[in-house]
PDB file of N, CA and C in Angstrom:
ATOM      1  N   MET A   1      -5.462   6.991 101.196  1.00  0.00           N
ATOM      2  CA  MET A   1      -6.230   7.502 102.326  1.00  0.00           C
ATOM      3  C   MET A   1      -6.769   8.877 101.952  1.00  0.00           C
ATOM      4  N   SER A   2      -8.043   9.109 102.199  1.00  0.00           N
ATOM      5  CA  SER A   2      -8.648  10.372 101.780  1.00  0.00           C
ATOM      6  C   SER A   2      -9.081  11.270 102.931  1.00  0.00           C
ATOM      7  N   CYS A   3      -8.894  10.868 104.178  1.00  0.00           N
ATOM      8  CA  CYS A   3      -9.331  11.673 105.317  1.00  0.00           C
ATOM      9  C   CYS A   3      -8.380  12.850 105.526  1.00  0.00           C
ATOM     10  N   ASN A   4      -8.850  14.058 105.248  1.00  0.00           N
ATOM     11  CA  ASN A   4      -8.055  15.268 105.431  1.00  0.00           C
ATOM     12  C   ASN A   4      -9.042  16.424 105.542  1.00  0.00           C
ATOM     13  N   ARG A   5      -9.423  16.764 106.760  1.00  0.00           N
ATOM     14  CA  ARG A   5     -10.409  17.807 107.016  1.00  0.00           C
ATOM     15  C   ARG A   5      -9.973  18.595 108.237  1.00  0.00           C
ATOM     16  N   ALA A   6     -10.064  19.899 108.164  1.00  0.00           N
ATOM     17  CA  ALA A   6      -9.696  20.739 109.301  1.00  0.00           C
ATOM     18  C   ALA A   6     -10.653  21.923 109.376  1.00  0.00           C
ATOM     19  N   GLN A   7     -10.957  22.342 110.604  1.00  0.00           N
ATOM     20  CA  GLN A   7     -11.820  23.500 110.837  1.00  0.00           C
ATOM     21  C   GLN A   7     -11.212  24.312 111.969  1.00  0.00           C
ATOM     22  N   ILE A   8     -11.202  25.630 111.802  1.00  0.00           N
ATOM     23  CA  ILE A   8     -10.670  26.498 112.847  1.00  0.00           C
ATOM     24  C   ILE A   8     -11.463  27.794 112.879  1.00  0.00           C
ATOM     25  N   CYS A   9     -11.638  28.316 114.075  1.00  0.00           N
ATOM     26  CA  CYS A   9     -12.256  29.626 114.274  1.00  0.00           C
ATOM     27  C   CYS A   9     -11.187  30.561 114.808  1.00  0.00           C
ATOM     28  N   GLY A  10     -11.248  31.797 114.407  1.00  0.00           N
ATOM     29  CA  GLY A  10     -10.287  32.763 114.904  1.00  0.00           C
ATOM     30  C   GLY A  10     -10.426  34.101 114.207  1.00  0.00           C
ATOM     31  N   ARG A  11      -9.399  34.912 114.416  1.00  0.00           N
ATOM     32  CA  ARG A  11      -9.380  36.282 113.891  1.00  0.00           C
ATOM     33  C   ARG A  11      -8.556  36.330 112.610  1.00  0.00           C
ATOM     34  N   LEU A  12      -9.086  36.972 111.590  1.00  0.00           N
ATOM     35  CA  LEU A  12      -8.343  37.188 110.354  1.00  0.00           C
ATOM     36  C   LEU A  12      -7.206  38.142 110.672  1.00  0.00           C
ATOM     37  N   GLU A  13      -6.010  37.593 110.815  1.00  0.00           N
ATOM     38  CA  GLU A  13      -4.879  38.388 111.295  1.00  0.00           C
ATOM     39  C   GLU A  13      -4.159  39.117 110.170  1.00  0.00           C
ATOM     40  N   THR A  14      -3.775  38.406 109.142  1.00  0.00           N
ATOM     41  CA  THR A  14      -3.119  39.028 107.989  1.00  0.00           C
ATOM     42  C   THR A  14      -3.818  38.558 106.729  1.00  0.00           C
ATOM     43  N   ARG A  15      -3.707  39.380 105.702  1.00  0.00           N
ATOM     44  CA  ARG A  15      -4.296  38.995 104.418  1.00  0.00           C
ATOM     45  C   ARG A  15      -3.475  39.647 103.324  1.00  0.00           C
ATOM     46  N   GLY A  16      -2.982  38.827 102.419  1.00  0.00           N
ATOM     47  CA  GLY A  16      -2.269  39.355 101.267  1.00  0.00           C
ATOM     48  C   GLY A  16      -3.249  39.951 100.269  1.00  0.00           C
ATOM     49  N   ALA A  17      -2.705  40.575  99.265  1.00  0.00           N
ATOM     50  CA  ALA A  17      -3.537  41.148  98.210  1.00  0.00           C
ATOM     51  C   ALA A  17      -4.116  40.035  97.338  1.00  0.00           C
ATOM     52  N   LEU A  18      -5.289  40.271  96.830  1.00  0.00           N
ATOM     53  CA  LEU A  18      -5.884  39.346  95.872  1.00  0.00           C
ATOM     54  C   LEU A  18      -4.974  39.314  94.655  1.00  0.00           C
ATOM     55  N   ARG A  19      -4.600  38.123  94.222  1.00  0.00           N
ATOM     56  CA  ARG A  19      -3.709  37.993  93.071  1.00  0.00           C
ATOM     57  C   ARG A  19      -4.249  36.901  92.162  1.00  0.00           C
ATOM     58  N   PHE A  20      -3.615  36.761  91.024  1.00  0.00           N
ATOM     59  CA  PHE A  20      -4.063  35.774  90.049  1.00  0.00           C
ATOM     60  C   PHE A  20      -2.901  34.917  89.595  1.00  0.00           C
ATOM     61  N   SER A  21      -3.138  33.614  89.500  1.00  0.00           N
ATOM     62  CA  SER A  21      -2.124  32.680  89.026  1.00  0.00           C
ATOM     63  C   SER A  21      -1.915  32.899  87.530  1.00  0.00           C
ATOM     64  N   PRO A  22      -0.854  32.326  86.973  1.00  0.00           N
ATOM     65  CA  PRO A  22      -0.652  32.437  85.521  1.00  0.00           C
ATOM     66  C   PRO A  22      -1.850  31.906  84.718  1.00  0.00           C
ATOM     67  N   ALA A  23      -2.602  30.965  85.313  1.00  0.00           N
ATOM     68  CA  ALA A  23      -3.783  30.414  84.638  1.00  0.00           C
ATOM     69  C   ALA A  23      -5.030  31.277  84.863  1.00  0.00           C
ATOM     70  N   GLY A  24      -4.889  32.388  85.611  1.00  0.00           N
ATOM     71  CA  GLY A  24      -6.008  33.291  85.841  1.00  0.00           C
ATOM     72  C   GLY A  24      -6.867  32.952  87.041  1.00  0.00           C
ATOM     73  N   VAL A  25      -6.388  32.066  87.923  1.00  0.00           N
ATOM     74  CA  VAL A  25      -7.140  31.675  89.115  1.00  0.00           C
ATOM     75  C   VAL A  25      -6.905  32.705  90.210  1.00  0.00           C
ATOM     76  N   ALA A  26      -7.986  33.248  90.778  1.00  0.00           N
ATOM     77  CA  ALA A  26      -7.881  34.216  91.872  1.00  0.00           C
ATOM     78  C   ALA A  26      -7.388  33.502  93.129  1.00  0.00           C
ATOM     79  N   LEU A  27      -6.419  34.112  93.843  1.00  0.00           N
ATOM     80  CA  LEU A  27      -5.830  33.542  95.057  1.00  0.00           C
ATOM     81  C   LEU A  27      -5.675  34.621  96.113  1.00  0.00           C
ATOM     82  N   VAL A  28      -5.792  34.212  97.373  1.00  0.00           N
ATOM     83  CA  VAL A  28      -5.447  35.101  98.474  1.00  0.00           C
ATOM     84  C   VAL A  28      -4.836  34.259  99.593  1.00  0.00           C
ATOM     85  N   ASP A  29      -3.706  34.720 100.109  1.00  0.00           N
ATOM     86  CA  ASP A  29      -3.042  34.102 101.260  1.00  0.00           C
ATOM     87  C   ASP A  29      -3.425  34.910 102.492  1.00  0.00           C
ATOM     88  N   PHE A  30      -3.648  34.210 103.616  1.00  0.00           N
ATOM     89  CA  PHE A  30      -4.012  34.912 104.846  1.00  0.00           C
ATOM     90  C   PHE A  30      -3.659  34.039 106.045  1.00  0.00           C
ATOM     91  N   THR A  31      -3.780  34.615 107.232  1.00  0.00           N
ATOM     92  CA  THR A  31      -3.574  33.841 108.452  1.00  0.00           C
ATOM     93  C   THR A  31      -4.769  34.038 109.376  1.00  0.00           C
ATOM     94  N   ILE A  32      -5.028  32.990 110.150  1.00  0.00           N
ATOM     95  CA  ILE A  32      -6.091  33.014 111.153  1.00  0.00           C
ATOM     96  C   ILE A  32      -5.436  32.789 112.510  1.00  0.00           C
ATOM     97  N   ALA A  33      -5.635  33.737 113.431  1.00  0.00           N
ATOM     98  CA  ALA A  33      -5.108  33.621 114.790  1.00  0.00           C
ATOM     99  C   ALA A  33      -6.194  33.026 115.675  1.00  0.00           C
ATOM    100  N   HIS A  34      -5.873  31.932 116.344  1.00  0.00           N
ATOM    101  CA  HIS A  34      -6.837  31.208 117.177  1.00  0.00           C
ATOM    102  C   HIS A  34      -6.398  31.239 118.635  1.00  0.00           C
ATOM    103  N   LYS A  35      -7.360  31.464 119.539  1.00  0.00           N
ATOM    104  CA  LYS A  35      -7.128  31.360 120.985  1.00  0.00           C
ATOM    105  C   LYS A  35      -8.345  30.699 121.589  1.00  0.00           C
ATOM    106  N   SER A  36      -8.113  29.702 122.424  1.00  0.00           N
ATOM    107  CA  SER A  36      -9.239  29.043 123.096  1.00  0.00           C
ATOM    108  C   SER A  36      -8.730  28.324 124.334  1.00  0.00           C
ATOM    109  N   GLU A  37      -9.668  27.751 125.050  1.00  0.00           N
ATOM    110  CA  GLU A  37      -9.350  26.896 126.184  1.00  0.00           C
ATOM    111  C   GLU A  37      -9.909  25.517 125.854  1.00  0.00           C
ATOM    112  N   GLN A  38      -9.066  24.500 125.923  1.00  0.00           N
ATOM    113  CA  GLN A  38      -9.438  23.138 125.553  1.00  0.00           C
ATOM    114  C   GLN A  38      -9.239  22.214 126.745  1.00  0.00           C
ATOM    115  N   GLN A  39      -9.946  21.112 126.725  1.00  0.00           N
ATOM    116  CA  GLN A  39      -9.787  20.097 127.761  1.00  0.00           C
ATOM    117  C   GLN A  39      -8.855  19.005 127.248  1.00  0.00           C
ATOM    118  N   GLU A  40      -7.854  18.673 128.062  1.00  0.00           N
ATOM    119  CA  GLU A  40      -6.902  17.628 127.698  1.00  0.00           C
ATOM    120  C   GLU A  40      -6.452  16.933 128.983  1.00  0.00           C
ATOM    121  N   ALA A  41      -6.568  15.617 128.991  1.00  0.00           N
ATOM    122  CA  ALA A  41      -6.158  14.830 130.157  1.00  0.00           C
ATOM    123  C   ALA A  41      -6.822  15.352 131.432  1.00  0.00           C
ATOM    124  N   ASN A  42      -8.107  15.619 131.352  1.00  0.00           N
ATOM    125  CA  ASN A  42      -8.902  16.110 132.488  1.00  0.00           C
ATOM    126  C   ASN A  42      -8.426  17.442 133.048  1.00  0.00           C
ATOM    127  N   ALA A  43      -7.768  18.234 132.218  1.00  0.00           N
ATOM    128  CA  ALA A  43      -7.300  19.550 132.656  1.00  0.00           C
ATOM    129  C   ALA A  43      -7.602  20.573 131.558  1.00  0.00           C
ATOM    130  N   SER A  44      -7.757  21.804 131.998  1.00  0.00           N
ATOM    131  CA  SER A  44      -7.984  22.894 131.060  1.00  0.00           C
ATOM    132  C   SER A  44      -6.641  23.380 130.530  1.00  0.00           C
ATOM    133  N   ARG A  45      -6.572  23.602 129.235  1.00  0.00           N
ATOM    134  CA  ARG A  45      -5.315  24.016 128.603  1.00  0.00           C
ATOM    135  C   ARG A  45      -5.593  25.153 127.639  1.00  0.00           C
ATOM    136  N   LYS A  46      -4.795  26.218 127.739  1.00  0.00           N
ATOM    137  CA  LYS A  46      -4.916  27.314 126.785  1.00  0.00           C
ATOM    138  C   LYS A  46      -4.273  26.869 125.476  1.00  0.00           C
ATOM    139  N   ALA A  47      -4.992  27.101 124.381  1.00  0.00           N
ATOM    140  CA  ALA A  47      -4.485  26.744 123.057  1.00  0.00           C
ATOM    141  C   ALA A  47      -4.470  28.000 122.201  1.00  0.00           C
ATOM    142  N   GLN A  48      -3.357  28.244 121.573  1.00  0.00           N
ATOM    143  CA  GLN A  48      -3.302  29.356 120.642  1.00  0.00           C
ATOM    144  C   GLN A  48      -2.345  29.022 119.515  1.00  0.00           C
ATOM    145  N   CYS A  49      -2.660  29.514 118.333  1.00  0.00           N
ATOM    146  CA  CYS A  49      -1.829  29.270 117.161  1.00  0.00           C
ATOM    147  C   CYS A  49      -2.202  30.272 116.071  1.00  0.00           C
ATOM    148  N   VAL A  50      -1.332  30.364 115.098  1.00  0.00           N
ATOM    149  CA  VAL A  50      -1.609  31.136 113.893  1.00  0.00           C
ATOM    150  C   VAL A  50      -1.521  30.153 112.739  1.00  0.00           C
ATOM    151  N   VAL A  51      -2.591  30.062 111.970  1.00  0.00           N
ATOM    152  CA  VAL A  51      -2.679  29.095 110.880  1.00  0.00           C
ATOM    153  C   VAL A  51      -2.557  29.817 109.545  1.00  0.00           C
ATOM    154  N   ARG A  52      -1.610  29.346 108.736  1.00  0.00           N
ATOM    155  CA  ARG A  52      -1.494  29.855 107.369  1.00  0.00           C
ATOM    156  C   ARG A  52      -2.614  29.258 106.539  1.00  0.00           C
ATOM    157  N   ALA A  53      -3.199  30.077 105.654  1.00  0.00           N
ATOM    158  CA  ALA A  53      -4.316  29.610 104.840  1.00  0.00           C
ATOM    159  C   ALA A  53      -4.254  30.225 103.447  1.00  0.00           C
ATOM    160  N   ILE A  54      -4.934  29.570 102.525  1.00  0.00           N
ATOM    161  CA  ILE A  54      -5.061  30.065 101.156  1.00  0.00           C
ATOM    162  C   ILE A  54      -6.467  29.748 100.677  1.00  0.00           C
ATOM    163  N   ALA A  55      -6.996  30.632  99.848  1.00  0.00           N
ATOM    164  CA  ALA A  55      -8.309  30.407  99.242  1.00  0.00           C
ATOM    165  C   ALA A  55      -8.218  30.777  97.767  1.00  0.00           C
ATOM    166  N   MET A  56      -9.077  30.147  96.982  1.00  0.00           N
ATOM    167  CA  MET A  56      -9.067  30.369  95.539  1.00  0.00           C
ATOM    168  C   MET A  56     -10.454  30.742  95.037  1.00  0.00           C
ATOM    169  N   GLU A  57     -10.466  31.324  93.861  1.00  0.00           N
ATOM    170  CA  GLU A  57     -11.662  31.699  93.113  1.00  0.00           C
ATOM    171  C   GLU A  57     -12.630  32.557  93.927  1.00  0.00           C
ATOM    172  N   GLU A  58     -13.907  32.156  94.013  1.00  0.00           N
ATOM    173  CA  GLU A  58     -14.913  32.985  94.674  1.00  0.00           C
ATOM    174  C   GLU A  58     -14.582  33.229  96.148  1.00  0.00           C
ATOM    175  N   LEU A  59     -14.045  32.193  96.813  1.00  0.00           N
ATOM    176  CA  LEU A  59     -13.689  32.369  98.231  1.00  0.00           C
ATOM    177  C   LEU A  59     -12.576  33.395  98.396  1.00  0.00           C
ATOM    178  N   ALA A  60     -11.619  33.401  97.491  1.00  0.00           N
ATOM    179  CA  ALA A  60     -10.533  34.384  97.557  1.00  0.00           C
ATOM    180  C   ALA A  60     -11.093  35.792  97.457  1.00  0.00           C
ATOM    181  N   GLN A  61     -12.015  35.998  96.554  1.00  0.00           N
ATOM    182  CA  GLN A  61     -12.628  37.319  96.387  1.00  0.00           C
ATOM    183  C   GLN A  61     -13.458  37.698  97.610  1.00  0.00           C
ATOM    184  N   LYS A  62     -14.142  36.731  98.197  1.00  0.00           N
ATOM    185  CA  LYS A  62     -14.941  36.966  99.406  1.00  0.00           C
ATOM    186  C   LYS A  62     -14.032  37.376 100.568  1.00  0.00           C
ATOM    187  N   ILE A  63     -12.937  36.636 100.765  1.00  0.00           N
ATOM    188  CA  ILE A  63     -12.008  36.916 101.868  1.00  0.00           C
ATOM    189  C   ILE A  63     -11.311  38.256 101.658  1.00  0.00           C
ATOM    190  N   ALA A  64     -11.010  38.606 100.419  1.00  0.00           N
ATOM    191  CA  ALA A  64     -10.356  39.883 100.126  1.00  0.00           C
ATOM    192  C   ALA A  64     -11.215  41.064 100.583  1.00  0.00           C
ATOM    193  N   ALA A  65     -12.518  40.845 100.701  1.00  0.00           N
ATOM    194  CA  ALA A  65     -13.424  41.910 101.141  1.00  0.00           C
ATOM    195  C   ALA A  65     -13.649  41.912 102.652  1.00  0.00           C
ATOM    196  N   PHE A  66     -13.229  40.858 103.358  1.00  0.00           N
ATOM    197  CA  PHE A  66     -13.400  40.807 104.811  1.00  0.00           C
ATOM    198  C   PHE A  66     -12.503  41.854 105.474  1.00  0.00           C
ATOM    199  N   PRO A  67     -12.978  42.500 106.528  1.00  0.00           N
ATOM    200  CA  PRO A  67     -12.110  43.435 107.247  1.00  0.00           C
ATOM    201  C   PRO A  67     -11.052  42.686 108.057  1.00  0.00           C
ATOM    202  N   LYS A  68      -9.870  43.259 108.128  1.00  0.00           N
ATOM    203  CA  LYS A  68      -8.828  42.674 108.973  1.00  0.00           C
ATOM    204  C   LYS A  68      -9.341  42.658 110.404  1.00  0.00           C
ATOM    205  N   GLY A  69      -9.104  41.552 111.111  1.00  0.00           N
ATOM    206  CA  GLY A  69      -9.579  41.419 112.471  1.00  0.00           C
ATOM    207  C   GLY A  69     -10.932  40.743 112.583  1.00  0.00           C
ATOM    208  N   ALA A  70     -11.572  40.466 111.440  1.00  0.00           N
ATOM    209  CA  ALA A  70     -12.874  39.800 111.459  1.00  0.00           C
ATOM    210  C   ALA A  70     -12.752  38.412 112.068  1.00  0.00           C
ATOM    211  N   GLN A  71     -13.788  37.995 112.794  1.00  0.00           N
ATOM    212  CA  GLN A  71     -13.841  36.644 113.350  1.00  0.00           C
ATOM    213  C   GLN A  71     -14.420  35.719 112.281  1.00  0.00           C
ATOM    214  N   VAL A  72     -13.700  34.618 112.005  1.00  0.00           N
ATOM    215  CA  VAL A  72     -14.114  33.709 110.941  1.00  0.00           C
ATOM    216  C   VAL A  72     -14.091  32.265 111.410  1.00  0.00           C
ATOM    217  N   GLN A  73     -14.843  31.444 110.709  1.00  0.00           N
ATOM    218  CA  GLN A  73     -14.776  29.990 110.863  1.00  0.00           C
ATOM    219  C   GLN A  73     -14.433  29.465 109.479  1.00  0.00           C
ATOM    220  N   ALA A  74     -13.293  28.775 109.381  1.00  0.00           N
ATOM    221  CA  ALA A  74     -12.811  28.281 108.095  1.00  0.00           C
ATOM    222  C   ALA A  74     -12.697  26.759 108.127  1.00  0.00           C
ATOM    223  N   THR A  75     -13.086  26.131 107.029  1.00  0.00           N
ATOM    224  CA  THR A  75     -13.021  24.689 106.880  1.00  0.00           C
ATOM    225  C   THR A  75     -12.330  24.372 105.566  1.00  0.00           C
ATOM    226  N   GLY A  76     -11.494  23.340 105.581  1.00  0.00           N
ATOM    227  CA  GLY A  76     -10.816  22.939 104.364  1.00  0.00           C
ATOM    228  C   GLY A  76      -9.936  21.731 104.599  1.00  0.00           C
ATOM    229  N   PHE A  77      -8.878  21.641 103.805  1.00  0.00           N
ATOM    230  CA  PHE A  77      -7.944  20.527 103.947  1.00  0.00           C
ATOM    231  C   PHE A  77      -6.531  21.060 104.116  1.00  0.00           C
ATOM    232  N   LEU A  78      -5.662  20.235 104.687  1.00  0.00           N
ATOM    233  CA  LEU A  78      -4.274  20.613 104.932  1.00  0.00           C
ATOM    234  C   LEU A  78      -3.367  20.046 103.843  1.00  0.00           C
ATOM    235  N   ALA A  79      -2.397  20.860 103.433  1.00  0.00           N
ATOM    236  CA  ALA A  79      -1.389  20.421 102.469  1.00  0.00           C
ATOM    237  C   ALA A  79      -0.113  21.201 102.742  1.00  0.00           C
ATOM    238  N   GLN A  80       1.015  20.672 102.285  1.00  0.00           N
ATOM    239  CA  GLN A  80       2.245  21.423 102.475  1.00  0.00           C
ATOM    240  C   GLN A  80       2.237  22.635 101.555  1.00  0.00           C
ATOM    241  N   ALA A  81       2.966  23.671 101.957  1.00  0.00           N
ATOM    242  CA  ALA A  81       2.938  24.950 101.262  1.00  0.00           C
ATOM    243  C   ALA A  81       3.417  24.849  99.813  1.00  0.00           C
ATOM    244  N   SER A  82       4.448  24.064  99.586  1.00  0.00           N
ATOM    245  CA  SER A  82       4.977  23.879  98.233  1.00  0.00           C
ATOM    246  C   SER A  82       5.800  22.599  98.207  1.00  0.00           C
ATOM    247  N   ARG A  83       6.356  22.287  97.066  1.00  0.00           N
ATOM    248  CA  ARG A  83       7.176  21.067  96.986  1.00  0.00           C
ATOM    249  C   ARG A  83       8.389  21.135  97.907  1.00  0.00           C
ATOM    250  N   THR A  84       8.889  22.352  98.142  1.00  0.00           N
ATOM    251  CA  THR A  84      10.094  22.498  98.965  1.00  0.00           C
ATOM    252  C   THR A  84       9.822  22.998 100.380  1.00  0.00           C
ATOM    253  N   ASP A  85       8.627  23.505 100.629  1.00  0.00           N
ATOM    254  CA  ASP A  85       8.256  24.029 101.960  1.00  0.00           C
ATOM    255  C   ASP A  85       7.203  23.093 102.551  1.00  0.00           C
ATOM    256  N   THR A  86       7.598  22.320 103.571  1.00  0.00           N
ATOM    257  CA  THR A  86       6.703  21.319 104.145  1.00  0.00           C
ATOM    258  C   THR A  86       5.789  21.860 105.241  1.00  0.00           C
ATOM    259  N   ALA A  87       5.821  23.166 105.494  1.00  0.00           N
ATOM    260  CA  ALA A  87       4.902  23.763 106.478  1.00  0.00           C
ATOM    261  C   ALA A  87       3.469  23.554 105.999  1.00  0.00           C
ATOM    262  N   LEU A  88       2.568  23.306 106.948  1.00  0.00           N
ATOM    263  CA  LEU A  88       1.176  23.071 106.593  1.00  0.00           C
ATOM    264  C   LEU A  88       0.428  24.367 106.295  1.00  0.00           C
ATOM    265  N   VAL A  89      -0.454  24.291 105.314  1.00  0.00           N
ATOM    266  CA  VAL A  89      -1.326  25.407 104.938  1.00  0.00           C
ATOM    267  C   VAL A  89      -2.743  24.871 104.843  1.00  0.00           C
ATOM    268  N   LEU A  90      -3.692  25.613 105.400  1.00  0.00           N
ATOM    269  CA  LEU A  90      -5.101  25.258 105.294  1.00  0.00           C
ATOM    270  C   LEU A  90      -5.632  25.780 103.959  1.00  0.00           C
ATOM    271  N   HIS A  91      -6.066  24.878 103.097  1.00  0.00           N
ATOM    272  CA  HIS A  91      -6.688  25.249 101.822  1.00  0.00           C
ATOM    273  C   HIS A  91      -8.187  25.361 102.094  1.00  0.00           C
ATOM    274  N   VAL A  92      -8.662  26.590 102.186  1.00  0.00           N
ATOM    275  CA  VAL A  92     -10.027  26.852 102.629  1.00  0.00           C
ATOM    276  C   VAL A  92     -11.035  26.544 101.519  1.00  0.00           C
ATOM    277  N   GLN A  93     -12.048  25.772 101.885  1.00  0.00           N
ATOM    278  CA  GLN A  93     -13.128  25.422 100.982  1.00  0.00           C
ATOM    279  C   GLN A  93     -14.458  26.052 101.411  1.00  0.00           C
ATOM    280  N   LYS A  94     -14.499  26.525 102.662  1.00  0.00           N
ATOM    281  CA  LYS A  94     -15.692  27.188 103.183  1.00  0.00           C
ATOM    282  C   LYS A  94     -15.228  28.159 104.260  1.00  0.00           C
ATOM    283  N   ILE A  95     -15.789  29.367 104.258  1.00  0.00           N
ATOM    284  CA  ILE A  95     -15.457  30.342 105.297  1.00  0.00           C
ATOM    285  C   ILE A  95     -16.668  31.218 105.548  1.00  0.00           C
ATOM    286  N   GLU A  96     -16.879  31.567 106.799  1.00  0.00           N
ATOM    287  CA  GLU A  96     -17.974  32.470 107.142  1.00  0.00           C
ATOM    288  C   GLU A  96     -17.568  33.380 108.281  1.00  0.00           C
ATOM    289  N   LEU A  97     -18.155  34.553 108.306  1.00  0.00           N
ATOM    290  CA  LEU A  97     -17.966  35.468 109.420  1.00  0.00           C
ATOM    291  C   LEU A  97     -18.776  34.969 110.607  1.00  0.00           C
ATOM    292  N   ILE A  98     -18.190  35.076 111.806  1.00  0.00           N
ATOM    293  CA  ILE A  98     -18.888  34.689 113.028  1.00  0.00           C
ATOM    294  C   ILE A  98     -18.778  35.819 114.030  1.00  0.00           C
ATOM    295  N   ASP A  99     -19.587  35.766 115.072  1.00  0.00           N
ATOM    296  CA  ASP A  99     -19.562  36.784 116.127  1.00  0.00           C
ATOM    297  C   ASP A  99     -18.470  36.499 117.126  1.00  0.00           C
TER     298      ASP A  99
END
């Protein structure tokens, strides 16, 4: 099965330092804080979450330059954090600043 796509808008809440893997790949870990009002079962529901995310190469360098608190829209795929940590992480493939 190949369907794995996620998109979220929110505030760039935390951002680690730009770092490099042993293979020389640029990486940055960050979180996106989301707050919205959604419709569910014919009722309005407040939705909020903090999403862990990671970006590589050019996107990592781009995100490293974003100001903390910037509003972003990020798109990518979900995967577990590591072989031993099953928490989900958004692997960002596209990100842009939004108003």
